[in-house]
Protein backbone atom coordinates (compact mmCIF):
# COMPACT_ATOMS: atom_id res chain seq x y z
CA MET A 1 106.88 80.82 58.41
CA PRO A 2 105.78 84.19 56.70
CA SER A 3 106.47 84.45 52.80
CA ASP A 4 106.76 88.55 53.43
CA THR A 5 109.79 89.86 54.20
CA ILE A 6 109.53 93.23 55.15
CA LEU A 7 106.28 94.66 57.19
CA SER A 8 102.72 92.05 58.03
CA ASP A 9 99.45 93.93 58.15
CA THR A 10 99.72 92.48 61.75
CA ALA A 11 102.42 94.36 62.02
CA LEU A 12 101.16 97.73 60.60
CA SER A 13 98.51 97.34 63.36
CA ALA A 14 100.75 96.98 65.77
CA VAL A 15 102.78 99.98 64.30
CA TRP A 16 99.44 102.34 64.41
CA LEU A 17 98.57 100.65 67.39
CA THR A 18 101.38 102.24 68.98
CA LEU A 19 101.62 105.45 67.36
CA ARG A 20 97.39 105.48 68.75
CA LEU A 21 98.45 105.18 72.17
CA ALA A 22 101.93 107.40 72.11
CA THR A 23 99.96 110.59 71.04
CA VAL A 24 96.89 109.64 73.74
CA THR A 25 99.81 109.06 76.41
CA THR A 26 101.58 112.41 75.42
CA LEU A 27 98.69 114.82 75.36
CA LEU A 28 97.30 113.43 78.70
CA LEU A 29 100.98 113.88 79.84
CA PHE A 30 100.64 117.46 79.06
CA LEU A 31 96.76 118.11 80.84
CA ILE A 32 98.36 115.99 83.98
CA GLY A 33 102.10 116.50 83.79
CA THR A 34 102.04 120.13 83.63
CA PRO A 35 100.32 121.40 86.94
CA ILE A 36 102.68 118.99 88.48
CA ALA A 37 105.70 120.36 86.84
CA TRP A 38 104.54 123.50 88.48
CA TRP A 39 103.65 123.18 91.03
CA LEU A 40 106.90 121.56 91.76
CA ALA A 41 108.87 124.42 89.89
CA ARG A 42 107.51 127.03 92.36
CA THR A 43 106.26 125.31 95.69
CA ARG A 44 108.31 125.62 98.78
CA CYS A 45 106.13 122.68 100.85
CA TRP A 46 107.89 120.00 102.54
CA LEU A 47 105.79 117.32 100.03
CA LYS A 48 107.81 118.70 96.88
CA ALA A 49 110.69 116.30 97.36
CA PRO A 50 108.25 112.90 97.94
CA VAL A 51 106.19 114.06 95.24
CA GLY A 52 108.92 115.00 92.70
CA ALA A 53 110.38 111.02 94.01
CA MET A 54 107.28 109.40 93.08
CA VAL A 55 107.53 110.81 89.76
CA ALA A 56 111.13 110.02 89.39
CA LEU A 57 109.94 106.95 90.26
CA PRO A 58 109.84 104.82 86.58
CA LEU A 59 113.31 105.90 86.39
CA VAL A 60 115.36 103.55 88.60
CA LEU A 61 112.28 100.97 88.84
CA PRO A 62 111.93 97.78 86.82
CA PRO A 63 109.01 97.86 84.45
CA THR A 64 107.86 95.04 85.54
CA VAL A 65 107.65 96.15 89.00
CA ILE A 66 105.13 98.81 87.88
CA GLY A 67 103.23 96.89 85.45
CA PHE A 68 102.35 94.73 88.32
CA TYR A 69 101.66 96.97 91.08
CA LEU A 70 99.25 98.61 88.03
CA LEU A 71 97.50 95.05 87.17
CA VAL A 72 97.17 94.54 91.49
CA VAL A 73 95.17 98.01 91.37
CA MET A 74 93.27 98.28 88.59
CA GLY A 75 92.67 93.66 88.23
CA PRO A 76 89.21 92.90 89.23
CA GLN A 77 90.34 92.72 93.46
CA GLY A 78 92.47 96.04 93.45
CA PRO A 79 90.24 99.11 94.50
CA VAL A 80 91.04 100.73 90.95
CA GLY A 81 89.41 97.74 88.67
CA GLN A 82 85.82 97.71 91.97
CA LEU A 83 85.30 100.81 90.86
CA THR A 84 85.38 100.71 87.01
CA GLN A 85 83.77 97.44 87.62
CA ALA A 86 81.50 100.19 89.75
CA LEU A 87 80.90 102.42 87.18
CA GLY A 88 80.12 98.95 84.32
CA LEU A 89 83.58 100.17 82.53
CA GLY A 90 84.76 96.71 83.29
CA VAL A 91 88.33 96.23 83.71
CA LEU A 92 91.55 98.07 82.65
CA PRO A 93 93.95 95.55 82.16
CA PHE A 94 94.71 93.54 79.30
CA THR A 95 92.47 96.82 77.11
CA PHE A 96 94.08 100.21 75.24
CA TRP A 97 92.86 102.33 78.39
CA GLY A 98 94.91 100.38 80.38
CA LEU A 99 98.14 100.11 78.08
CA VAL A 100 97.38 104.50 78.38
CA VAL A 101 97.29 104.20 82.02
CA GLY A 102 100.44 102.63 82.41
CA SER A 103 102.22 104.83 79.48
CA VAL A 104 101.28 108.11 81.67
CA LEU A 105 102.93 106.69 84.60
CA TYR A 106 105.63 105.54 83.38
CA SER A 107 106.75 108.20 80.57
CA MET A 108 105.13 110.97 83.63
CA PRO A 109 109.18 111.88 84.35
CA PHE A 110 110.13 112.62 80.71
CA VAL A 111 107.55 114.88 80.42
CA VAL A 112 107.64 116.55 84.14
CA GLN A 113 111.04 117.25 84.64
CA PRO A 114 111.61 119.15 81.22
CA LEU A 115 108.89 121.44 81.84
CA GLN A 116 109.67 121.97 85.73
CA ASN A 117 113.64 122.67 84.61
CA ALA A 118 111.91 125.31 81.13
CA PHE A 119 109.70 126.68 84.27
CA ASP A 120 112.68 127.28 86.27
CA ALA A 121 114.67 128.94 84.42
CA ILE A 122 112.17 131.79 83.82
CA GLY A 123 112.37 132.88 87.04
CA GLU A 124 110.41 135.35 88.83
CA ARG A 125 110.62 138.50 87.10
CA PRO A 126 108.43 138.10 84.15
CA LEU A 127 106.23 136.95 86.70
CA GLU A 128 105.96 140.42 88.47
CA VAL A 129 106.04 142.23 86.05
CA ALA A 130 102.67 140.88 84.87
CA ALA A 131 101.63 141.23 88.07
CA THR A 132 101.36 144.42 87.84
CA LEU A 133 100.09 145.06 84.91
CA ARG A 134 97.10 143.17 86.42
CA ALA A 135 97.30 140.32 85.07
CA GLY A 136 95.12 137.38 86.32
CA PRO A 137 97.23 133.82 87.16
CA TRP A 138 95.49 132.00 84.30
CA ASP A 139 96.38 135.37 81.82
CA THR A 140 99.73 135.17 83.51
CA PHE A 141 100.79 131.47 83.20
CA PHE A 142 99.08 131.35 78.97
CA SER A 143 100.27 134.56 78.28
CA VAL A 144 103.92 134.42 80.26
CA VAL A 145 104.73 131.31 81.36
CA VAL A 146 103.57 129.09 78.07
CA PRO A 147 105.75 131.29 75.45
CA LEU A 148 108.84 131.44 77.56
CA ALA A 149 108.82 127.45 78.16
CA ARG A 150 108.23 126.59 74.64
CA PRO A 151 111.00 124.88 74.65
CA GLY A 152 110.34 123.07 77.67
CA PHE A 153 107.46 122.21 76.15
CA ILE A 154 108.55 121.27 73.11
CA THR A 155 111.64 118.47 74.63
CA ALA A 156 108.98 117.27 76.46
CA GLY A 157 106.34 116.15 74.08
CA ILE A 158 109.06 115.12 71.60
CA LEU A 159 110.46 112.41 74.87
CA GLY A 160 107.17 111.61 76.19
CA PHE A 161 106.34 110.35 72.53
CA ALA A 162 109.40 108.40 71.78
CA HIS A 163 109.46 106.72 75.85
CA THR A 164 106.07 106.04 75.02
CA VAL A 165 106.66 104.38 71.30
CA GLY A 166 109.76 102.39 73.00
CA GLU A 167 107.65 101.22 75.93
CA PHE A 168 107.96 97.24 76.35
CA GLY A 169 108.01 95.05 80.18
CA VAL A 170 105.02 97.83 81.19
CA VAL A 171 102.68 96.86 78.59
CA LEU A 172 103.09 93.38 78.15
CA MET A 173 102.44 93.31 81.59
CA ILE A 174 99.16 95.31 81.45
CA GLY A 175 98.16 95.10 78.39
CA GLY A 176 99.47 91.59 77.36
CA ASN A 177 99.67 90.30 73.64
CA ILE A 178 96.32 91.14 71.76
CA PRO A 179 96.28 91.44 68.44
CA ASP A 180 95.04 95.20 67.15
CA LYS A 181 93.92 95.75 70.84
CA THR A 182 97.20 95.62 72.95
CA ARG A 183 100.18 93.76 70.99
CA VAL A 184 102.39 97.49 70.14
CA VAL A 185 105.23 97.54 68.13
CA SER A 186 107.77 96.63 71.10
CA VAL A 187 106.03 93.07 71.66
CA GLN A 188 105.58 92.15 67.82
CA ILE A 189 109.49 92.72 67.95
CA TYR A 190 109.64 90.10 70.81
CA ASP A 191 107.00 87.69 69.11
CA HIS A 192 109.50 87.38 65.82
CA VAL A 193 112.43 86.79 67.61
CA GLU A 194 110.20 84.37 69.64
CA ALA A 195 108.93 83.21 66.49
CA LEU A 196 112.56 82.99 64.42
CA GLU A 197 111.10 85.34 62.25
CA TYR A 198 114.54 87.69 61.58
CA ALA A 199 113.66 89.50 59.38
CA GLN A 200 110.09 91.50 60.16
CA ALA A 201 112.02 91.59 63.59
CA HIS A 202 115.17 93.78 61.62
CA TRP A 203 112.74 95.64 59.74
CA LEU A 204 110.85 96.70 62.88
CA SER A 205 114.03 97.40 65.24
CA ALA A 206 115.77 99.37 62.40
CA GLY A 207 112.87 101.37 61.80
CA MET A 208 112.33 102.00 65.98
CA LEU A 209 116.34 102.22 66.30
CA ALA A 210 116.18 105.05 63.28
CA PHE A 211 113.04 106.63 64.95
CA SER A 212 115.12 107.12 68.29
CA PHE A 213 118.32 108.35 66.30
CA VAL A 214 115.98 111.45 64.51
CA VAL A 215 114.17 112.14 67.92
CA LEU A 216 117.65 112.39 70.05
CA LEU A 217 118.95 113.97 67.16
CA LEU A 218 116.02 117.01 66.69
CA LEU A 219 116.80 117.04 70.80
CA TYR A 220 120.42 117.70 70.33
CA VAL A 221 120.05 120.41 67.17
CA PHE A 222 116.91 122.50 68.99
CA ASN A 223 118.75 122.97 72.10
CA GLN A 224 122.28 123.56 70.41
CA ASN A 225 119.44 125.85 68.14
CA GLY A 226 117.98 127.18 71.84
CA ARG A 227 121.71 128.25 73.34
CA ARG A 228 122.87 130.81 71.00
CA ARG A 229 119.82 132.78 70.65
């Protein structure tokens, strides 16, 4: 058993990898999730319900199910795996970018749904005013929609980042347990417990607990202040 009782170099490496993963995933979720949320908020197409259900699937599916199908699709014999190999990129499972793909899919509803709610709350009036001033679609979105939906963007960013930090099942299935490459904090805690290294597991778990509490506290304070305005 290691002599250190706080955080080993391995644990610190897992922390930094987790923060890097959460940052990249959150940025990609904004790029991918914003147009999806805008479409869901504005469309009357019959596909709205199926697309919304697809986005929300990670809320009800076991993470291992998502991880398993990602392994199949991105593996050497899967369609995505064959494409990435043809492009000379190798396969994504058990790599950092494989973790990113799994994290984006698993955290998608935590970004899309707050954004969709924020877009729904804007209503038609601001968009109609912008149209009468001859604002183009892009100008309207960035000058009118984004400022009005700012609380939704903040909530989505916090939830997407925090949810990625706390992932376990998906990242373990798709990334395995490779030090400095795919071993994130949740997997590191699992390793410590398996090795009966309870002191190290305690420090990492306490950090995760404190992080989760602060995230929820910030969300509650932010939402309460928003209602008072």
